[in-house]
N, C-alpha and C. Protein backbone atom coordinates (compact mmCIF):
# COMPACT_ATOMS: atom_id res chain seq x y z
N UNK A 1 -12.04 5.96 20.28
CA UNK A 1 -11.36 6.65 20.38
C UNK A 1 -11.28 8.16 21.01
N UNK A 2 -11.04 8.28 22.00
CA UNK A 2 -11.61 9.65 22.89
C UNK A 2 -10.46 11.06 22.17
N UNK A 3 -10.91 12.17 21.98
CA UNK A 3 -9.95 13.04 21.49
C UNK A 3 -9.53 13.58 22.41
N UNK A 4 -8.47 13.55 22.82
CA UNK A 4 -7.84 13.75 24.10
C UNK A 4 -6.17 14.96 23.38
N UNK A 5 -6.09 15.75 23.84
CA UNK A 5 -5.14 16.93 23.73
C UNK A 5 -3.98 16.23 24.12
N UNK A 6 -3.74 15.20 24.73
CA UNK A 6 -2.45 15.01 25.20
C UNK A 6 -1.93 14.01 23.97
N UNK A 7 -2.72 13.73 23.19
CA UNK A 7 -2.05 12.51 22.47
C UNK A 7 -1.02 13.15 21.24
N UNK A 8 -0.43 12.08 20.78
CA UNK A 8 0.80 12.51 19.86
C UNK A 8 0.19 12.95 18.43
N UNK A 9 0.61 14.10 18.30
CA UNK A 9 0.32 14.84 17.05
C UNK A 9 0.73 13.64 15.53
N UNK A 10 1.62 13.31 15.40
CA UNK A 10 2.07 12.35 14.74
C UNK A 10 1.10 11.07 14.89
N UNK A 11 0.63 10.63 15.99
CA UNK A 11 -0.11 9.87 15.66
C UNK A 11 -1.65 10.13 15.10
N UNK A 12 -1.98 11.57 15.38
CA UNK A 12 -2.87 11.82 14.44
C UNK A 12 -2.49 11.76 12.85
N UNK A 13 -1.92 12.29 12.51
CA UNK A 13 -1.04 12.49 11.35
C UNK A 13 -1.44 10.98 10.43
N UNK A 14 -0.91 10.22 11.50
CA UNK A 14 -0.77 8.98 10.64
C UNK A 14 -2.28 8.18 10.22
N UNK A 15 -3.11 8.53 11.44
CA UNK A 15 -4.64 7.92 11.42
C UNK A 15 -5.18 8.53 10.16
N UNK A 16 -4.95 10.06 10.28
CA UNK A 16 -5.90 10.53 9.17
C UNK A 16 -4.99 10.14 7.75
N UNK A 17 -3.78 9.95 7.64
CA UNK A 17 -3.41 9.67 6.52
C UNK A 17 -3.96 8.06 6.01
N UNK A 18 -4.02 6.94 6.92
CA UNK A 18 -4.81 5.74 6.84
C UNK A 18 -6.13 6.05 6.64
N UNK A 19 -6.82 6.78 7.11
CA UNK A 19 -8.09 7.00 6.71
C UNK A 19 -8.58 7.63 5.16
N UNK A 20 -7.50 8.51 4.81
CA UNK A 20 -7.69 9.09 3.70
C UNK A 20 -7.48 8.17 2.71
N UNK A 21 -6.45 7.24 2.89
CA UNK A 21 -6.02 6.43 1.41
C UNK A 21 -6.71 5.69 1.43
N UNK A 22 -7.65 4.99 2.78
CA UNK A 22 -8.51 4.03 2.60
C UNK A 22 -9.91 4.65 1.81
N UNK A 23 -10.57 5.87 2.10
CA UNK A 23 -11.76 6.49 1.81
C UNK A 23 -11.53 7.49 0.70
N UNK A 24 -10.53 7.64 0.02
CA UNK A 24 -10.54 8.52 -1.16
C UNK A 24 -11.01 8.11 -2.20
N UNK A 25 -11.04 6.90 -2.66
CA UNK A 25 -11.46 6.50 -4.01
C UNK A 25 -13.09 6.93 -3.56
N UNK A 26 -13.54 6.39 -2.93
CA UNK A 26 -15.02 6.46 -2.48
C UNK A 26 -15.76 7.83 -2.52
N UNK A 27 -14.70 8.63 -1.71
CA UNK A 27 -15.81 10.06 -1.66
C UNK A 27 -15.52 10.57 -3.17
N UNK A 28 -13.93 10.41 -4.05
CA UNK A 28 -14.24 11.12 -5.02
C UNK A 28 -15.08 10.50 -5.83
N UNK A 29 -15.73 9.54 -6.18
CA UNK A 29 -16.51 8.98 -6.73
C UNK A 29 -18.37 9.41 -6.38
N UNK A 30 -18.13 9.48 -5.25
CA UNK A 30 -19.33 9.89 -4.80
C UNK A 30 -19.36 11.63 -5.43
N UNK A 31 -18.33 12.25 -5.22
CA UNK A 31 -18.39 13.42 -5.92
C UNK A 31 -18.35 13.89 -7.19
N UNK A 32 -17.79 12.78 -7.94
CA UNK A 32 -18.20 12.90 -9.24
C UNK A 32 -19.78 12.66 -10.14
N UNK A 33 -20.03 11.77 -8.62
CA UNK A 33 -21.88 11.37 -8.92
C UNK A 33 -22.65 12.94 -8.59
N UNK A 34 -21.95 13.76 -7.97
CA UNK A 34 -22.59 15.15 -7.63
C UNK A 34 -22.09 15.91 -8.86
N UNK A 35 -21.38 16.28 -9.24
CA UNK A 35 -20.97 17.22 -10.10
C UNK A 35 -20.80 16.79 -11.62
N UNK A 36 -20.40 15.41 -11.96
CA UNK A 36 -20.42 15.10 -13.19
C UNK A 36 -19.02 15.51 -14.12
N UNK A 37 -17.89 16.06 -13.12
CA UNK A 37 -16.77 16.32 -13.60
C UNK A 37 -15.80 16.05 -12.73
N UNK A 38 -14.57 15.08 -13.44
CA UNK A 38 -13.73 14.74 -12.18
C UNK A 38 -12.77 15.68 -11.95
N UNK A 39 -12.45 16.74 -12.60
CA UNK A 39 -11.87 17.84 -11.68
C UNK A 39 -12.20 18.61 -10.50
N UNK A 40 -13.62 18.95 -10.95
CA UNK A 40 -14.26 19.45 -9.88
C UNK A 40 -14.42 18.55 -8.76
N UNK A 41 -14.64 16.99 -8.94
CA UNK A 41 -14.94 16.04 -8.12
C UNK A 41 -13.76 16.03 -7.29
N UNK A 42 -12.53 16.00 -7.95
CA UNK A 42 -11.16 16.37 -6.94
C UNK A 42 -11.08 17.49 -6.15
N UNK A 43 -11.67 18.54 -6.54
CA UNK A 43 -11.93 19.85 -5.74
C UNK A 43 -12.84 19.45 -4.40
N UNK A 44 -13.70 19.17 -4.82
CA UNK A 44 -15.05 18.89 -3.58
C UNK A 44 -14.08 17.66 -2.79
N UNK A 45 -13.51 16.60 -3.14
CA UNK A 45 -12.88 15.74 -2.31
C UNK A 45 -11.37 16.15 -1.39
N UNK A 46 -11.04 16.93 -2.03
CA UNK A 46 -9.82 17.92 -1.37
C UNK A 46 -10.57 18.71 -0.42
N UNK A 47 -11.70 19.49 -0.49
CA UNK A 47 -12.30 19.85 0.65
C UNK A 47 -12.74 19.51 1.67
N UNK A 48 -13.81 18.22 0.99
CA UNK A 48 -14.10 17.35 2.41
C UNK A 48 -12.83 16.91 3.09
N UNK A 49 -11.97 16.48 2.80
CA UNK A 49 -10.75 16.01 3.53
C UNK A 49 -10.12 17.08 4.30
N UNK A 50 -9.94 18.21 3.58
CA UNK A 50 -9.55 19.23 4.70
C UNK A 50 -10.32 19.70 5.61
N UNK A 51 -11.65 19.56 5.76
CA UNK A 51 -12.34 20.36 6.68
C UNK A 51 -12.13 19.02 7.59
N UNK A 52 -12.33 17.61 7.25
CA UNK A 52 -11.90 16.41 8.14
C UNK A 52 -10.87 16.58 9.12
N UNK A 53 -9.45 17.13 8.03
CA UNK A 53 -8.21 17.27 8.68
C UNK A 53 -8.23 18.46 9.83
N UNK A 54 -9.01 19.44 9.60
CA UNK A 54 -8.80 20.57 10.62
C UNK A 54 -9.83 20.10 12.24
N UNK A 55 -10.37 18.94 11.69
CA UNK A 55 -11.28 18.66 12.62
C UNK A 55 -11.18 17.32 13.16
N UNK A 56 -10.25 16.78 13.03
CA UNK A 56 -9.63 15.25 13.03
C UNK A 56 -9.91 15.55 14.76
N UNK A 57 -9.19 15.93 15.27
CA UNK A 57 -9.12 15.82 16.73
C UNK A 57 -10.62 16.14 17.42
N UNK A 58 -11.20 16.69 17.00
CA UNK A 58 -12.38 17.03 17.71
C UNK A 58 -13.57 15.54 17.29
N UNK A 59 -13.44 14.90 16.30
CA UNK A 59 -14.19 13.82 16.04
C UNK A 59 -13.86 12.72 17.24
N UNK A 60 -15.09 12.40 17.92
CA UNK A 60 -14.98 11.75 19.30
C UNK A 60 -15.30 10.01 18.43
N UNK A 61 -16.06 10.00 17.53
CA UNK A 61 -16.59 8.77 17.15
C UNK A 61 -16.02 8.31 15.85
N UNK A 62 -15.03 7.82 16.01
CA UNK A 62 -14.30 7.32 14.75
C UNK A 62 -15.11 6.53 13.35
N UNK A 63 -16.29 6.09 14.13
CA UNK A 63 -17.18 4.99 13.24
C UNK A 63 -17.89 6.18 12.55
N UNK A 64 -18.11 7.24 12.72
CA UNK A 64 -18.52 8.25 12.18
C UNK A 64 -17.94 9.31 11.06
N UNK A 65 -16.60 8.86 10.86
CA UNK A 65 -16.09 9.28 10.13
C UNK A 65 -16.44 9.89 8.50
N UNK A 66 -16.81 8.19 8.05
CA UNK A 66 -17.68 8.71 6.69
C UNK A 66 -18.43 9.67 6.34
N UNK A 67 -19.48 9.47 7.44
CA UNK A 67 -20.62 10.53 7.63
C UNK A 67 -20.28 12.09 7.55
N UNK A 68 -19.19 12.02 8.46
CA UNK A 68 -18.58 13.40 8.33
C UNK A 68 -18.10 13.86 7.30
N UNK A 69 -17.28 13.26 6.41
CA UNK A 69 -16.67 13.54 5.05
C UNK A 69 -17.60 13.59 3.87
N UNK A 70 -18.52 12.89 4.23
CA UNK A 70 -19.94 12.78 3.19
C UNK A 70 -20.90 13.85 3.53
N UNK A 71 -20.92 14.38 4.58
CA UNK A 71 -21.43 15.62 5.10
C UNK A 71 -21.08 16.66 4.48
N UNK A 72 -19.63 16.97 4.95
CA UNK A 72 -18.93 17.89 4.16
C UNK A 72 -18.72 18.16 2.54
N UNK A 73 -18.86 17.04 2.00
CA UNK A 73 -18.97 16.87 0.45
C UNK A 73 -20.13 17.22 0.07
N UNK A 74 -21.10 16.97 0.79
CA UNK A 74 -22.64 17.58 0.22
C UNK A 74 -22.79 19.21 0.39
N UNK A 75 -22.49 19.57 1.85
CA UNK A 75 -22.63 20.70 2.04
C UNK A 75 -21.54 21.57 0.84
N UNK A 76 -20.30 20.98 0.60
CA UNK A 76 -19.34 21.80 -0.31
C UNK A 76 -19.99 21.86 -1.76
N UNK A 77 -20.49 20.74 -1.88
CA UNK A 77 -20.97 20.55 -3.31
C UNK A 77 -22.22 21.86 -3.54
N UNK A 78 -23.13 21.58 -2.57
CA UNK A 78 -24.58 22.55 -2.73
C UNK A 78 -24.08 23.86 -2.55
N UNK A 79 -23.13 24.59 -1.72
CA UNK A 79 -22.51 25.71 -1.68
C UNK A 79 -21.93 26.19 -3.10
N UNK A 80 -20.97 25.30 -3.69
CA UNK A 80 -20.54 25.89 -4.94
C UNK A 80 -21.27 25.74 -5.96
N UNK A 81 -22.64 24.77 -5.57
CA UNK A 81 -23.90 25.28 -7.19
C UNK A 81 -24.54 26.38 -6.72
N UNK A 82 -24.21 27.13 -6.04
CA UNK A 82 -25.04 28.64 -5.84
C UNK A 82 -23.75 29.56 -6.15
N UNK A 83 -23.21 29.23 -6.62
CA UNK A 83 -22.08 30.45 -6.99
C UNK A 83 -22.57 30.67 -8.40
N UNK A 84 -22.86 31.63 -8.74
CA UNK A 84 -23.15 32.08 -10.39
C UNK A 84 -21.88 31.75 -11.22
N UNK A 85 -20.85 32.05 -10.99
CA UNK A 85 -19.74 31.26 -12.20
C UNK A 85 -19.67 30.01 -11.97
N UNK A 86 -20.58 29.45 -11.38
CA UNK A 86 -20.23 27.86 -11.36
C UNK A 86 -21.17 27.47 -12.24
N UNK A 87 -22.45 27.92 -12.08
CA UNK A 87 -23.85 27.64 -12.93
C UNK A 87 -23.47 27.94 -14.20
N UNK A 88 -22.73 29.19 -14.84
CA UNK A 88 -22.79 29.32 -16.14
C UNK A 88 -21.41 28.28 -16.54
N UNK A 89 -20.60 27.66 -16.03
CA UNK A 89 -19.53 27.01 -16.33
C UNK A 89 -20.14 25.64 -16.89
N UNK A 90 -19.98 25.08 -18.56
CA UNK A 90 -19.89 23.80 -18.61
C UNK A 90 -19.46 22.90 -18.72
N UNK A 91 -19.38 21.83 -18.27
CA UNK A 91 -18.19 21.13 -18.03
C UNK A 91 -18.85 19.66 -19.02
N UNK A 92 -17.33 19.10 -19.44
CA UNK A 92 -17.59 17.93 -20.29
C UNK A 92 -16.60 17.05 -19.87
N UNK A 93 -17.39 16.12 -18.93
CA UNK A 93 -16.12 15.07 -18.38
C UNK A 93 -16.33 13.78 -18.92
N UNK A 94 -15.01 13.23 -19.40
CA UNK A 94 -15.03 11.62 -19.66
C UNK A 94 -15.66 11.01 -18.78
N UNK A 95 -16.37 9.71 -19.39
CA UNK A 95 -17.03 8.73 -18.24
C UNK A 95 -15.15 7.68 -17.63
N UNK A 96 -15.74 7.68 -16.63
CA UNK A 96 -14.38 7.46 -15.77
C UNK A 96 -14.16 5.72 -15.85
N UNK A 97 -13.19 5.27 -15.80
CA UNK A 97 -12.39 3.99 -15.73
C UNK A 97 -12.84 3.20 -14.34
N UNK A 98 -12.91 2.34 -14.71
CA UNK A 98 -13.50 1.19 -13.56
C UNK A 98 -12.82 0.73 -13.25
N UNK A 99 -12.47 0.17 -11.87
CA UNK A 99 -11.58 -0.91 -11.43
C UNK A 99 -12.17 -2.16 -11.32
N UNK A 100 -13.45 -2.21 -11.42
CA UNK A 100 -14.46 -3.48 -10.83
C UNK A 100 -14.31 -4.69 -11.75
N UNK A 101 -13.43 -4.20 -13.06
CA UNK A 101 -13.75 -5.11 -14.13
C UNK A 101 -13.99 -4.61 -15.10
N UNK A 102 -14.14 -5.64 -16.52
CA UNK A 102 -14.48 -4.78 -17.90
C UNK A 102 -16.06 -4.86 -18.07
N UNK A 103 -16.51 -4.01 -18.25
CA UNK A 103 -18.29 -3.80 -18.95
C UNK A 103 -18.32 -4.24 -19.87
N UNK A 104 -19.31 -4.50 -19.98
CA UNK A 104 -19.96 -5.10 -21.73
C UNK A 104 -20.23 -3.82 -22.09
N UNK A 105 -20.65 -3.62 -23.26
CA UNK A 105 -20.74 -2.46 -24.22
C UNK A 105 -21.99 -1.93 -23.67
N UNK A 106 -23.15 -2.57 -23.65
CA UNK A 106 -24.52 -2.74 -22.87
C UNK A 106 -24.42 -1.77 -21.25
N UNK A 107 -23.74 -2.47 -20.66
CA UNK A 107 -23.28 -1.86 -19.16
C UNK A 107 -23.00 -0.60 -19.68
N UNK A 108 -21.80 -0.32 -20.14
CA UNK A 108 -21.17 1.05 -20.35
C UNK A 108 -21.83 1.95 -20.83
N UNK A 109 -22.81 1.65 -21.96
CA UNK A 109 -23.67 2.56 -22.22
C UNK A 109 -24.97 2.96 -21.45
N UNK A 110 -25.36 2.32 -20.81
CA UNK A 110 -26.51 2.17 -19.52
C UNK A 110 -25.86 3.58 -18.56
N UNK A 111 -24.84 2.94 -18.35
CA UNK A 111 -23.82 3.83 -16.93
C UNK A 111 -23.72 5.17 -17.80
N UNK A 112 -23.09 5.54 -19.22
CA UNK A 112 -23.25 7.07 -19.29
C UNK A 112 -24.25 7.56 -20.05
N UNK A 113 -25.53 7.09 -20.06
CA UNK A 113 -26.72 7.27 -20.09
C UNK A 113 -27.26 7.70 -18.60
N UNK A 114 -26.84 6.99 -17.91
CA UNK A 114 -27.54 7.53 -16.53
C UNK A 114 -26.71 8.55 -16.07
N UNK A 115 -25.68 8.30 -16.04
CA UNK A 115 -24.58 9.81 -15.73
C UNK A 115 -24.89 11.47 -16.43
N UNK A 116 -25.12 10.87 -17.57
CA UNK A 116 -25.73 12.37 -18.58
C UNK A 116 -27.10 12.83 -18.18
N UNK A 117 -27.85 12.12 -17.54
CA UNK A 117 -29.43 12.22 -17.24
C UNK A 117 -29.39 12.44 -15.43
N UNK A 118 -28.40 12.02 -14.81
CA UNK A 118 -27.95 12.54 -13.70
C UNK A 118 -27.66 13.94 -13.61
N UNK A 119 -26.96 14.21 -14.58
CA UNK A 119 -26.39 15.46 -14.26
C UNK A 119 -27.22 16.73 -14.92
N UNK A 120 -28.28 16.22 -15.84
CA UNK A 120 -29.64 17.07 -15.68
C UNK A 120 -30.64 17.66 -14.64
N UNK A 121 -30.34 16.98 -13.51
CA UNK A 121 -31.08 17.28 -12.09
C UNK A 121 -30.20 18.04 -11.82
N UNK A 122 -31.46 19.20 -10.92
CA UNK A 122 -31.07 20.03 -10.14
C UNK A 122 -30.30 19.76 -9.12
N UNK A 123 -29.22 20.24 -8.65
CA UNK A 123 -28.20 19.98 -7.40
C UNK A 123 -28.88 19.29 -6.19
N UNK A 124 -29.84 19.88 -5.67
CA UNK A 124 -30.42 19.31 -4.33
C UNK A 124 -30.95 17.81 -4.65
N UNK A 125 -31.98 18.01 -5.63
CA UNK A 125 -32.36 16.73 -6.17
C UNK A 125 -31.11 15.70 -6.60
N UNK A 126 -30.07 15.92 -7.18
CA UNK A 126 -28.96 14.95 -7.60
C UNK A 126 -28.32 14.59 -6.38
N UNK A 127 -28.12 15.38 -5.35
CA UNK A 127 -27.58 15.27 -3.71
C UNK A 127 -28.51 14.05 -2.97
N UNK A 128 -29.75 14.56 -3.20
CA UNK A 128 -30.38 13.50 -2.49
C UNK A 128 -30.51 11.95 -2.99
N UNK A 129 -30.26 12.09 -4.34
CA UNK A 129 -30.35 10.32 -4.86
C UNK A 129 -28.90 10.23 -4.86
N UNK A 130 -27.89 10.47 -4.82
CA UNK A 130 -26.70 9.83 -4.57
C UNK A 130 -26.90 9.55 -3.11
N UNK A 131 -27.01 10.43 -2.16
CA UNK A 131 -27.36 10.08 -0.66
C UNK A 131 -28.00 8.79 -0.31
N UNK A 132 -29.18 8.91 -0.76
CA UNK A 132 -30.46 7.85 -0.80
C UNK A 132 -30.08 6.62 -1.75
N UNK A 133 -29.36 6.34 -2.80
CA UNK A 133 -29.25 5.06 -3.61
C UNK A 133 -27.55 4.81 -3.66
N UNK A 134 -26.88 5.99 -3.65
CA UNK A 134 -25.26 5.21 -3.79
C UNK A 134 -24.83 5.08 -2.53
N UNK A 135 -25.08 5.85 -1.45
CA UNK A 135 -24.92 5.48 0.14
C UNK A 135 -25.68 4.59 0.66
N UNK A 136 -26.91 4.40 0.34
CA UNK A 136 -27.78 3.73 1.15
C UNK A 136 -28.34 4.44 2.29
N UNK A 137 -28.07 5.62 2.51
CA UNK A 137 -28.60 6.08 3.56
C UNK A 137 -30.27 6.58 3.83
N UNK A 138 -30.87 6.27 4.76
CA UNK A 138 -32.13 6.86 5.29
C UNK A 138 -32.53 7.87 5.00
N UNK A 139 -33.76 8.04 5.28
CA UNK A 139 -34.21 9.32 4.99
C UNK A 139 -33.71 10.41 5.86
N UNK A 140 -33.63 10.04 7.30
CA UNK A 140 -33.21 10.83 8.36
C UNK A 140 -31.64 11.23 8.34
N UNK A 141 -30.54 10.41 7.68
CA UNK A 141 -29.27 10.70 7.43
C UNK A 141 -29.05 11.62 6.52
N UNK A 142 -30.05 11.07 5.18
CA UNK A 142 -29.75 12.12 4.13
C UNK A 142 -30.22 13.66 4.58
N UNK A 143 -31.23 13.60 5.36
CA UNK A 143 -32.03 15.42 5.78
C UNK A 143 -30.43 15.77 6.41
N UNK A 144 -29.92 14.86 7.34
CA UNK A 144 -29.13 15.77 8.07
C UNK A 144 -27.91 15.93 7.02
N UNK A 145 -27.28 15.03 6.29
CA UNK A 145 -26.31 15.23 5.53
C UNK A 145 -26.72 16.64 4.73
N UNK A 146 -27.69 16.73 4.11
CA UNK A 146 -28.40 17.84 3.40
C UNK A 146 -28.98 19.17 3.91
N UNK A 147 -28.80 19.03 5.60
CA UNK A 147 -29.47 20.10 6.34
C UNK A 147 -31.05 20.54 5.85
N UNK A 148 -31.76 19.52 5.58
CA UNK A 148 -32.94 19.98 5.56
C UNK A 148 -33.72 19.12 6.08
N UNK A 149 -35.28 19.37 5.75
CA UNK A 149 -36.30 18.06 6.48
C UNK A 149 -36.31 16.82 5.64
N UNK A 150 -37.22 16.15 6.48
CA UNK A 150 -36.92 14.93 5.80
C UNK A 150 -38.03 15.05 4.62
N UNK A 151 -39.17 15.75 4.86
CA UNK A 151 -40.16 15.82 3.67
C UNK A 151 -39.20 16.51 2.54
N UNK A 152 -38.50 17.44 2.97
CA UNK A 152 -37.71 18.06 1.69
C UNK A 152 -36.91 16.89 1.07
N UNK A 153 -36.01 15.97 1.82
CA UNK A 153 -35.78 14.90 1.53
C UNK A 153 -36.56 14.04 0.39
N UNK A 154 -37.96 13.94 0.75
CA UNK A 154 -38.72 12.82 -0.05
C UNK A 154 -38.85 13.21 -1.20
N UNK A 155 -39.40 14.73 -1.22
CA UNK A 155 -39.88 15.17 -2.27
C UNK A 155 -38.55 15.54 -3.51
N UNK A 156 -37.83 15.94 -3.23
CA UNK A 156 -36.38 16.02 -3.75
C UNK A 156 -36.05 14.14 -4.56
N UNK A 157 -36.22 13.42 -3.57
CA UNK A 157 -36.01 12.02 -4.09
C UNK A 157 -37.06 11.66 -5.04
N UNK A 158 -38.51 12.01 -4.65
CA UNK A 158 -39.26 11.54 -5.61
C UNK A 158 -39.23 12.33 -7.01
N UNK A 159 -39.10 13.43 -6.83
CA UNK A 159 -39.05 14.33 -7.85
C UNK A 159 -37.83 14.07 -8.85
N UNK A 160 -36.59 13.94 -8.20
CA UNK A 160 -35.73 13.32 -9.41
C UNK A 160 -35.63 11.88 -9.74
N UNK A 161 -36.45 10.68 -9.28
CA UNK A 161 -36.44 9.68 -9.63
C UNK A 161 -37.58 10.01 -11.06
N UNK A 162 -38.43 10.82 -10.73
CA UNK A 162 -39.58 10.80 -11.96
C UNK A 162 -38.77 11.37 -12.80
N UNK A 163 -37.72 12.55 -12.83
CA UNK A 163 -37.10 12.98 -13.94
C UNK A 163 -36.42 12.35 -14.35
N UNK A 164 -35.43 11.29 -13.89
CA UNK A 164 -34.87 10.16 -14.10
C UNK A 164 -35.61 9.42 -14.81
N UNK A 165 -36.59 9.21 -14.81
CA UNK A 165 -37.67 7.84 -15.32
C UNK A 165 -38.27 8.92 -16.84
N UNK A 166 -38.35 9.85 -16.89
CA UNK A 166 -38.77 10.54 -17.82
C UNK A 166 -37.60 10.75 -18.46
N UNK A 167 -36.57 11.43 -18.32
CA UNK A 167 -34.98 11.20 -19.36
C UNK A 167 -34.35 9.94 -19.84
N UNK A 168 -34.60 8.77 -19.22
CA UNK A 168 -34.20 7.53 -19.43
C UNK A 168 -35.05 6.47 -20.00
N UNK A 169 -36.16 7.09 -20.01
CA UNK A 169 -37.55 6.13 -20.62
C UNK A 169 -37.52 4.53 -20.36
N UNK A 170 -37.15 3.94 -21.02
CA UNK A 170 -37.01 2.12 -20.94
C UNK A 170 -36.09 1.65 -20.20
N UNK A 171 -34.80 2.43 -20.30
CA UNK A 171 -33.53 2.46 -19.56
C UNK A 171 -33.63 2.47 -17.98
N UNK A 172 -34.80 2.46 -17.46
CA UNK A 172 -34.93 3.03 -16.03
C UNK A 172 -35.71 1.96 -15.74
N UNK A 173 -35.32 0.74 -16.09
CA UNK A 173 -36.08 -0.51 -15.43
C UNK A 173 -35.14 -1.13 -14.33
N UNK A 174 -33.67 -0.64 -14.11
CA UNK A 174 -33.16 -0.90 -12.99
C UNK A 174 -32.96 0.23 -11.74
N UNK A 175 -32.81 -0.17 -10.68
CA UNK A 175 -32.78 0.73 -9.78
C UNK A 175 -31.77 1.57 -10.04
N UNK A 176 -31.60 3.00 -9.71
CA UNK A 176 -30.76 3.89 -9.97
C UNK A 176 -29.21 3.41 -9.41
N UNK A 177 -29.46 2.78 -7.90
CA UNK A 177 -28.20 2.36 -7.63
C UNK A 177 -27.24 1.14 -8.25
N UNK A 178 -28.47 0.76 -9.09
CA UNK A 178 -27.25 -0.50 -9.55
C UNK A 178 -26.83 0.24 -10.69
N UNK A 179 -26.91 1.40 -11.45
CA UNK A 179 -26.20 2.16 -12.12
C UNK A 179 -25.30 3.08 -11.86
N UNK A 180 -24.99 3.53 -10.70
CA UNK A 180 -24.27 4.17 -9.78
C UNK A 180 -22.85 3.09 -9.66
N UNK A 181 -21.62 3.04 -9.93
CA UNK A 181 -21.00 2.15 -9.96
C UNK A 181 -20.17 2.25 -8.47
N UNK A 182 -19.46 1.13 -8.07
CA UNK A 182 -18.94 1.31 -6.67
C UNK A 182 -19.42 1.99 -5.37
N UNK A 183 -20.26 1.12 -4.84
CA UNK A 183 -20.73 1.49 -3.59
C UNK A 183 -19.70 1.50 -2.53
N UNK A 184 -19.85 2.42 -1.82
CA UNK A 184 -19.11 2.42 -0.99
C UNK A 184 -19.12 1.34 0.42
């Protein structure tokens, strides 16, 4: 759908509203995986969608909207983690409710342990792992989303996985993506 200035603004608003309603929960879950706090995740989600709303008419490839929002989310998260007041803040988030069905006690415990371990990683390693394993992005797409080189993505991913393995020990048998609920 080309971005034409003669289009009706109400059509743009309706299209944006439909996209927002369809993708809000996925973006929010991604934000939670990044920051580990539902309130901060809501803020990050809002900022990502606000940036999309401002640029809505400029986005020519409607198939790239997910990538655009994901990139906005990653950049906003990484920008926020550089702020001194954010680094001092201690968040204590609760484990999210899942809509995929009831977990067994073991699955719930694994997810809780994984989320806690993920929260101990530096922001860029965490972002690289979320892009690579939650969104199944390849190295080039992850590098683009994080604005870094492919080599940096590889090193952040390797270091993040090594640290998760160290933190989780025997519980690290499953692939990290299996522990990250609700794929997009």
